[in-house]
Amino acid sequence: MVHPVDPGSHWLAAGITGIPRQKEWDAVVTADAPGTAGDEAEFVALSDGRVLVGAGPDGFDPEPLAAALEGAIERPYRALAMRRPELWSVGASAIETARLDPDPRGDDLELTWDGSTLALSVDGMPAEPSGASALERLAASRESGAYAAHAGRLDGDLWEILVLPL
């Protein structure tokens, strides 16, 4: 018979220990704008003032939600909004954008450097790494060792960029 393990008195008062989760949002606001309870929307607010809608109900206007985020987070950011019965709840996270020149083909790039091998996937398919030379230069300028870089096309030659060390 196996007996349950007694956590003992070394646990904190709340009984929770460990590393806290990273925050999911850099800013959270509510906004009054047209919509139906349960509606969801996703948009990106760019530094030049444009707002790009990724998903949303027919006729969705992100401007009132972006206006509610002004002062809470600097552009550019990616936001997710959910319509509650009375208001929209909006969470936003800061993003980095860059223009990649030469403009790579595809809309989604994953580039990894493990210290000896450079690997690229474009839209989920393996590709020749030279096809993302602009992303490689950007990532190598930030990380001296192994890295993973992701680029997602936002509009034309403007990309959302994320570079992380491995």
C-alpha atoms as a PDB file:
ATOM      1  CA  MET A   1       0.000   0.000   0.000  1.00  0.00           C
ATOM      2  CA  VAL A   2       1.360   3.390  -1.003  1.00  0.00           C
ATOM      3  CA  HIS A   3       0.696   6.250   1.398  1.00  0.00           C
ATOM      4  CA  PRO A   4       0.366   9.857   0.206  1.00  0.00           C
ATOM      5  CA  VAL A   5       3.450  11.960   0.730  1.00  0.00           C
ATOM      6  CA  ASP A   6       3.061  14.541   3.485  1.00  0.00           C
ATOM      7  CA  PRO A   7       4.326  17.883   2.175  1.00  0.00           C
ATOM      8  CA  GLY A   8       5.333  18.821   5.706  1.00  0.00           C
ATOM      9  CA  SER A   9       5.681  22.194   7.328  1.00  0.00           C
ATOM     10  CA  HIS A  10       8.395  23.363   4.928  1.00  0.00           C
ATOM     11  CA  TRP A  11       5.709  24.463   2.444  1.00  0.00           C
ATOM     12  CA  LEU A  12       4.795  28.102   2.408  1.00  0.00           C
ATOM     13  CA  ALA A  13       1.616  29.200   4.156  1.00  0.00           C
ATOM     14  CA  ALA A  14      -0.362  29.015   0.931  1.00  0.00           C
ATOM     15  CA  GLY A  15       1.068  25.597   0.116  1.00  0.00           C
ATOM     16  CA  ILE A  16       2.555  26.813  -3.145  1.00  0.00           C
ATOM     17  CA  THR A  17       6.233  26.867  -3.982  1.00  0.00           C
ATOM     18  CA  GLY A  18       8.334  27.012  -7.071  1.00  0.00           C
ATOM     19  CA  ILE A  19       8.977  29.426  -9.867  1.00  0.00           C
ATOM     20  CA  PRO A  20       6.108  31.783 -10.634  1.00  0.00           C
ATOM     21  CA  ARG A  21       4.681  31.811 -14.149  1.00  0.00           C
ATOM     22  CA  GLN A  22       5.792  34.554 -16.462  1.00  0.00           C
ATOM     23  CA  LYS A  23       3.246  37.273 -16.969  1.00  0.00           C
ATOM     24  CA  GLU A  24       1.154  36.696 -20.053  1.00  0.00           C
ATOM     25  CA  TRP A  25       0.350  40.343 -20.835  1.00  0.00           C
ATOM     26  CA  ASP A  26       2.259  43.608 -20.634  1.00  0.00           C
ATOM     27  CA  ALA A  27      -1.033  45.528 -20.365  1.00  0.00           C
ATOM     28  CA  VAL A  28      -4.659  44.631 -19.682  1.00  0.00           C
ATOM     29  CA  VAL A  29      -7.590  47.039 -20.110  1.00  0.00           C
ATOM     30  CA  THR A  30     -11.337  47.054 -20.629  1.00  0.00           C
ATOM     31  CA  ALA A  31     -12.996  49.032 -23.392  1.00  0.00           C
ATOM     32  CA  ASP A  32     -16.519  49.993 -24.369  1.00  0.00           C
ATOM     33  CA  ALA A  33     -17.018  49.254 -28.069  1.00  0.00           C
ATOM     34  CA  PRO A  34     -19.610  47.499 -30.237  1.00  0.00           C
ATOM     35  CA  GLY A  35     -19.687  43.720 -30.094  1.00  0.00           C
ATOM     36  CA  THR A  36     -21.554  40.638 -28.944  1.00  0.00           C
ATOM     37  CA  ALA A  37     -20.694  38.677 -25.796  1.00  0.00           C
ATOM     38  CA  GLY A  38     -18.236  35.936 -26.742  1.00  0.00           C
ATOM     39  CA  ASP A  39     -16.703  37.783 -29.700  1.00  0.00           C
ATOM     40  CA  GLU A  40     -12.921  37.415 -29.938  1.00  0.00           C
ATOM     41  CA  ALA A  41     -10.461  39.514 -31.887  1.00  0.00           C
ATOM     42  CA  GLU A  42      -6.726  39.693 -32.466  1.00  0.00           C
ATOM     43  CA  PHE A  43      -4.838  42.701 -33.783  1.00  0.00           C
ATOM     44  CA  VAL A  44      -1.392  44.267 -34.016  1.00  0.00           C
ATOM     45  CA  ALA A  45      -0.857  47.979 -33.397  1.00  0.00           C
ATOM     46  CA  LEU A  46       2.184  49.299 -35.271  1.00  0.00           C
ATOM     47  CA  SER A  47       4.490  52.201 -34.424  1.00  0.00           C
ATOM     48  CA  ASP A  48       3.321  54.135 -37.497  1.00  0.00           C
ATOM     49  CA  GLY A  49      -0.257  54.249 -36.143  1.00  0.00           C
ATOM     50  CA  ARG A  50      -1.704  51.476 -38.301  1.00  0.00           C
ATOM     51  CA  VAL A  51      -3.707  48.666 -36.710  1.00  0.00           C
ATOM     52  CA  LEU A  52      -3.695  45.291 -38.490  1.00  0.00           C
ATOM     53  CA  VAL A  53      -6.580  42.924 -37.730  1.00  0.00           C
ATOM     54  CA  GLY A  54      -5.575  39.268 -37.553  1.00  0.00           C
ATOM     55  CA  ALA A  55      -8.988  37.911 -36.585  1.00  0.00           C
ATOM     56  CA  GLY A  56     -12.319  39.260 -35.466  1.00  0.00           C
ATOM     57  CA  PRO A  57     -16.043  39.307 -36.089  1.00  0.00           C
ATOM     58  CA  ASP A  58     -17.410  40.754 -39.334  1.00  0.00           C
ATOM     59  CA  GLY A  59     -17.096  44.538 -39.349  1.00  0.00           C
ATOM     60  CA  PHE A  60     -14.750  44.551 -36.350  1.00  0.00           C
ATOM     61  CA  ASP A  61     -13.117  47.943 -35.723  1.00  0.00           C
ATOM     62  CA  PRO A  62     -10.023  47.640 -33.497  1.00  0.00           C
ATOM     63  CA  GLU A  63      -9.537  51.407 -33.076  1.00  0.00           C
ATOM     64  CA  PRO A  64     -11.567  51.784 -29.813  1.00  0.00           C
ATOM     65  CA  LEU A  65      -9.650  48.875 -28.280  1.00  0.00           C
ATOM     66  CA  ALA A  66      -6.286  50.264 -29.412  1.00  0.00           C
ATOM     67  CA  ALA A  67      -7.305  53.677 -28.011  1.00  0.00           C
ATOM     68  CA  ALA A  68      -8.042  52.052 -24.630  1.00  0.00           C
ATOM     69  CA  LEU A  69      -4.492  50.625 -24.602  1.00  0.00           C
ATOM     70  CA  GLU A  70      -2.861  54.024 -25.270  1.00  0.00           C
ATOM     71  CA  GLY A  71      -0.766  54.973 -22.249  1.00  0.00           C
ATOM     72  CA  ALA A  72      -0.771  51.394 -20.933  1.00  0.00           C
ATOM     73  CA  ILE A  73       1.677  50.001 -23.515  1.00  0.00           C
ATOM     74  CA  GLU A  74       3.852  51.460 -26.253  1.00  0.00           C
ATOM     75  CA  ARG A  75       3.447  50.402 -29.860  1.00  0.00           C
ATOM     76  CA  PRO A  76       4.165  47.999 -31.471  1.00  0.00           C
ATOM     77  CA  TYR A  77       2.155  45.360 -29.638  1.00  0.00           C
ATOM     78  CA  ARG A  78      -0.020  42.322 -30.294  1.00  0.00           C
ATOM     79  CA  ALA A  79      -3.440  42.282 -28.608  1.00  0.00           C
ATOM     80  CA  LEU A  80      -6.097  39.686 -27.950  1.00  0.00           C
ATOM     81  CA  ALA A  81      -9.603  40.881 -27.066  1.00  0.00           C
ATOM     82  CA  MET A  82     -12.637  39.037 -25.718  1.00  0.00           C
ATOM     83  CA  ARG A  83     -16.073  40.608 -25.566  1.00  0.00           C
ATOM     84  CA  ARG A  84     -17.745  40.170 -22.182  1.00  0.00           C
ATOM     85  CA  PRO A  85     -21.450  40.979 -21.701  1.00  0.00           C
ATOM     86  CA  GLU A  86     -20.824  44.708 -21.174  1.00  0.00           C
ATOM     87  CA  LEU A  87     -17.226  45.462 -22.220  1.00  0.00           C
ATOM     88  CA  TRP A  88     -14.236  44.157 -24.149  1.00  0.00           C
ATOM     89  CA  SER A  89     -11.313  42.736 -22.117  1.00  0.00           C
ATOM     90  CA  VAL A  90      -8.052  43.372 -23.953  1.00  0.00           C
ATOM     91  CA  GLY A  91      -4.600  41.953 -23.209  1.00  0.00           C
ATOM     92  CA  ALA A  92      -1.538  43.221 -25.077  1.00  0.00           C
ATOM     93  CA  SER A  93       2.107  42.163 -25.282  1.00  0.00           C
ATOM     94  CA  ALA A  94       4.966  44.222 -26.690  1.00  0.00           C
ATOM     95  CA  ILE A  95       6.493  42.907 -29.900  1.00  0.00           C
ATOM     96  CA  GLU A  96       9.508  43.781 -32.003  1.00  0.00           C
ATOM     97  CA  THR A  97       9.165  44.560 -35.683  1.00  0.00           C
ATOM     98  CA  ALA A  98      11.762  44.836 -38.433  1.00  0.00           C
ATOM     99  CA  ARG A  99      11.979  45.132 -42.188  1.00  0.00           C
ATOM    100  CA  LEU A 100      13.903  42.227 -43.696  1.00  0.00           C
ATOM    101  CA  ASP A 101      15.944  43.127 -46.783  1.00  0.00           C
ATOM    102  CA  PRO A 102      16.159  41.182 -48.997  1.00  0.00           C
ATOM    103  CA  ASP A 103      12.552  40.204 -48.372  1.00  0.00           C
ATOM    104  CA  PRO A 104      12.416  36.428 -47.785  1.00  0.00           C
ATOM    105  CA  ARG A 105       9.744  34.314 -49.416  1.00  0.00           C
ATOM    106  CA  GLY A 106       6.958  32.906 -47.262  1.00  0.00           C
ATOM    107  CA  ASP A 107       5.109  34.323 -44.284  1.00  0.00           C
ATOM    108  CA  ASP A 108       6.546  32.376 -41.346  1.00  0.00           C
ATOM    109  CA  LEU A 109      10.288  31.832 -40.808  1.00  0.00           C
ATOM    110  CA  GLU A 110      11.991  29.665 -38.161  1.00  0.00           C
ATOM    111  CA  LEU A 111      15.781  29.977 -38.143  1.00  0.00           C
ATOM    112  CA  THR A 112      18.049  28.108 -35.718  1.00  0.00           C
ATOM    113  CA  TRP A 113      21.791  28.192 -35.170  1.00  0.00           C
ATOM    114  CA  ASP A 114      23.171  25.510 -32.845  1.00  0.00           C
ATOM    115  CA  GLY A 115      26.756  26.710 -33.031  1.00  0.00           C
ATOM    116  CA  SER A 116      27.640  24.687 -36.116  1.00  0.00           C
ATOM    117  CA  THR A 117      24.529  24.268 -38.262  1.00  0.00           C
ATOM    118  CA  LEU A 118      22.092  26.847 -39.553  1.00  0.00           C
ATOM    119  CA  ALA A 119      18.585  25.496 -40.285  1.00  0.00           C
ATOM    120  CA  LEU A 120      15.591  27.293 -41.763  1.00  0.00           C
ATOM    121  CA  SER A 121      11.954  26.409 -42.207  1.00  0.00           C
ATOM    122  CA  VAL A 122       9.657  28.598 -44.302  1.00  0.00           C
ATOM    123  CA  ASP A 123       5.934  28.163 -43.708  1.00  0.00           C
ATOM    124  CA  GLY A 124       6.706  24.866 -41.939  1.00  0.00           C
ATOM    125  CA  MET A 125       8.840  23.396 -44.734  1.00  0.00           C
ATOM    126  CA  PRO A 126      12.654  22.976 -44.662  1.00  0.00           C
ATOM    127  CA  ALA A 127      14.414  25.580 -46.795  1.00  0.00           C
ATOM    128  CA  GLU A 128      17.881  26.793 -47.748  1.00  0.00           C
ATOM    129  CA  PRO A 129      19.118  29.075 -44.908  1.00  0.00           C
ATOM    130  CA  SER A 130      20.482  31.621 -47.393  1.00  0.00           C
ATOM    131  CA  GLY A 131      16.834  32.469 -48.109  1.00  0.00           C
ATOM    132  CA  ALA A 132      16.639  34.275 -44.760  1.00  0.00           C
ATOM    133  CA  SER A 133      19.960  36.131 -44.756  1.00  0.00           C
ATOM    134  CA  ALA A 134      18.365  39.288 -43.321  1.00  0.00           C
ATOM    135  CA  LEU A 135      16.927  37.361 -40.354  1.00  0.00           C
ATOM    136  CA  GLU A 136      20.269  35.592 -39.870  1.00  0.00           C
ATOM    137  CA  ARG A 137      22.121  38.940 -39.717  1.00  0.00           C
ATOM    138  CA  LEU A 138      19.604  40.361 -37.254  1.00  0.00           C
ATOM    139  CA  ALA A 139      19.733  37.286 -34.981  1.00  0.00           C
ATOM    140  CA  ALA A 140      23.543  37.027 -35.086  1.00  0.00           C
ATOM    141  CA  SER A 141      23.845  40.695 -34.108  1.00  0.00           C
ATOM    142  CA  ARG A 142      21.901  39.943 -30.910  1.00  0.00           C
ATOM    143  CA  GLU A 143      23.107  36.510 -29.880  1.00  0.00           C
ATOM    144  CA  SER A 144      26.755  35.458 -29.798  1.00  0.00           C
ATOM    145  CA  GLY A 145      25.925  31.782 -29.284  1.00  0.00           C
ATOM    146  CA  ALA A 146      23.228  29.392 -30.384  1.00  0.00           C
ATOM    147  CA  TYR A 147      19.826  30.942 -31.054  1.00  0.00           C
ATOM    148  CA  ALA A 148      16.328  30.417 -32.398  1.00  0.00           C
ATOM    149  CA  ALA A 149      14.762  33.220 -34.420  1.00  0.00           C
ATOM    150  CA  HIS A 150      11.163  33.492 -35.540  1.00  0.00           C
ATOM    151  CA  ALA A 151       9.770  36.001 -38.024  1.00  0.00           C
ATOM    152  CA  GLY A 152       6.113  36.332 -38.953  1.00  0.00           C
ATOM    153  CA  ARG A 153       5.074  38.593 -41.826  1.00  0.00           C
ATOM    154  CA  LEU A 154       2.785  41.392 -40.662  1.00  0.00           C
ATOM    155  CA  ASP A 155       2.382  43.522 -43.779  1.00  0.00           C
ATOM    156  CA  GLY A 156       4.512  43.643 -46.928  1.00  0.00           C
ATOM    157  CA  ASP A 157       8.163  43.607 -45.859  1.00  0.00           C
ATOM    158  CA  LEU A 158       7.346  44.305 -42.167  1.00  0.00           C
ATOM    159  CA  TRP A 159       7.897  41.322 -39.867  1.00  0.00           C
ATOM    160  CA  GLU A 160       7.282  40.493 -36.209  1.00  0.00           C
ATOM    161  CA  ILE A 161      10.625  39.246 -34.854  1.00  0.00           C
ATOM    162  CA  LEU A 162      11.568  37.113 -31.855  1.00  0.00           C
ATOM    163  CA  VAL A 163      15.171  36.010 -31.180  1.00  0.00           C
ATOM    164  CA  LEU A 164      15.928  33.753 -28.210  1.00  0.00           C
ATOM    165  CA  PRO A 165      19.171  32.144 -27.010  1.00  0.00           C
ATOM    166  CA  LEU A 166      19.325  28.341 -26.975  1.00  0.00           C
END
